C-alpha atoms as a PDB file:
ATOM      1  CA  MET A   1      29.685  -2.040  21.857  1.00  0.00           C
ATOM      2  CA  SER A   2      29.514  -5.418  20.173  1.00  0.00           C
ATOM      3  CA  PHE A   3      26.646  -6.815  18.157  1.00  0.00           C
ATOM      4  CA  GLN A   4      25.888  -9.349  20.895  1.00  0.00           C
ATOM      5  CA  GLN A   5      25.601  -6.573  23.489  1.00  0.00           C
ATOM      6  CA  ILE A   6      23.146  -4.732  21.250  1.00  0.00           C
ATOM      7  CA  LEU A   7      21.070  -7.891  20.839  1.00  0.00           C
ATOM      8  CA  ASP A   8      21.132  -8.527  24.593  1.00  0.00           C
ATOM      9  CA  SER A   9      19.917  -4.993  25.315  1.00  0.00           C
ATOM     10  CA  LEU A  10      16.874  -5.233  23.015  1.00  0.00           C
ATOM     11  CA  PRO A  11      13.657  -6.456  24.604  1.00  0.00           C
ATOM     12  CA  ILE A  12      12.468  -9.560  22.767  1.00  0.00           C
ATOM     13  CA  GLY A  13       8.844  -8.381  22.817  1.00  0.00           C
ATOM     14  CA  GLY A  14       9.738  -5.173  20.985  1.00  0.00           C
ATOM     15  CA  VAL A  15      11.653  -7.059  18.337  1.00  0.00           C
ATOM     16  CA  PHE A  16       8.728  -9.451  17.850  1.00  0.00           C
ATOM     17  CA  VAL A  17       6.277  -6.551  17.509  1.00  0.00           C
ATOM     18  CA  ALA A  18       8.574  -4.766  15.026  1.00  0.00           C
ATOM     19  CA  PHE A  19       8.837  -7.880  12.836  1.00  0.00           C
ATOM     20  CA  ALA A  20       5.080  -8.443  13.046  1.00  0.00           C
ATOM     21  CA  ILE A  21       4.366  -4.857  11.934  1.00  0.00           C
ATOM     22  CA  LEU A  22       6.927  -5.091   9.128  1.00  0.00           C
ATOM     23  CA  GLY A  23       5.381  -8.351   7.934  1.00  0.00           C
ATOM     24  CA  ALA A  24       1.884  -6.844   8.034  1.00  0.00           C
ATOM     25  CA  VAL A  25       2.987  -3.805   6.009  1.00  0.00           C
ATOM     26  CA  ILE A  26       4.709  -5.953   3.376  1.00  0.00           C
ATOM     27  CA  THR A  27       1.637  -8.195   3.144  1.00  0.00           C
ATOM     28  CA  LEU A  28      -0.652  -5.175   2.758  1.00  0.00           C
ATOM     29  CA  VAL A  29       1.496  -3.627   0.008  1.00  0.00           C
ATOM     30  CA  VAL A  30       1.677  -6.897  -1.937  1.00  0.00           C
ATOM     31  CA  ASP A  31      -2.061  -7.461  -1.509  1.00  0.00           C
ATOM     32  CA  LEU A  32      -2.985  -3.958  -2.688  1.00  0.00           C
ATOM     33  CA  ASP A  33      -0.673  -4.344  -5.685  1.00  0.00           C
ATOM     34  CA  ARG A  34      -3.062  -6.999  -7.022  1.00  0.00           C
ATOM     35  CA  PRO A  35      -6.494  -5.335  -7.010  1.00  0.00           C
ATOM     36  CA  ARG A  36      -8.477  -8.375  -8.190  1.00  0.00           C
ATOM     37  CA  ASP A  37      -6.717 -11.017  -6.054  1.00  0.00           C
ATOM     38  CA  GLY A  38      -5.837 -11.354  -2.388  1.00  0.00           C
ATOM     39  CA  PHE A  39      -7.636 -10.499   0.826  1.00  0.00           C
ATOM     40  CA  LEU A  40      -8.652  -6.972  -0.152  1.00  0.00           C
ATOM     41  CA  LYS A  41     -10.671  -6.571  -3.321  1.00  0.00           C
ATOM     42  CA  VAL A  42     -10.417  -3.075  -4.819  1.00  0.00           C
ATOM     43  CA  SER A  43     -13.169  -2.090  -7.227  1.00  0.00           C
ATOM     44  CA  GLN A  44     -12.187  -0.384 -10.471  1.00  0.00           C
ATOM     45  CA  GLN A  45     -15.632   1.209 -10.817  1.00  0.00           C
ATOM     46  CA  PRO A  46     -14.687   4.631  -9.340  1.00  0.00           C
ATOM     47  CA  LEU A  47     -11.840   4.954 -11.863  1.00  0.00           C
ATOM     48  CA  THR A  48     -14.160   3.936 -14.698  1.00  0.00           C
ATOM     49  CA  ASP A  49     -16.724   6.539 -13.590  1.00  0.00           C
ATOM     50  CA  LEU A  50     -14.040   9.227 -13.414  1.00  0.00           C
ATOM     51  CA  GLN A  51     -12.782   8.317 -16.868  1.00  0.00           C
ATOM     52  CA  GLU A  52     -16.301   8.682 -18.273  1.00  0.00           C
ATOM     53  CA  GLN A  53     -16.746  12.081 -16.557  1.00  0.00           C
ATOM     54  CA  VAL A  54     -13.426  13.424 -17.793  1.00  0.00           C
ATOM     55  CA  GLY A  55     -14.078  12.133 -21.292  1.00  0.00           C
ATOM     56  CA  ALA A  56     -17.446  13.932 -21.357  1.00  0.00           C
ATOM     57  CA  LEU A  57     -15.965  17.340 -20.530  1.00  0.00           C
ATOM     58  CA  PRO A  58     -15.134  19.773 -23.341  1.00  0.00           C
ATOM     59  CA  PRO A  59     -11.441  20.533 -23.821  1.00  0.00           C
ATOM     60  CA  ALA A  60     -10.079  23.200 -21.463  1.00  0.00           C
ATOM     61  CA  ASN A  61      -8.166  25.034 -24.212  1.00  0.00           C
ATOM     62  CA  PRO A  62      -9.956  24.549 -27.533  1.00  0.00           C
ATOM     63  CA  ARG A  63      -7.734  24.971 -30.578  1.00  0.00           C
ATOM     64  CA  LYS A  64      -8.364  28.055 -32.698  1.00  0.00           C
END
């Protein structure tokens, strides 16, 4: 089976949808990689709150 036969057997709508989904996933990953820029803004407040809670806890294994 040649490459051209494979291309001829693929429905063009399916290929378009696959490329659209791939593009959306790549865009989402790049956007989430920059938490303060882009379409989605990710707050750092939950991580700051967790850091304060963990810092306030006594050590699990105190040194003797």
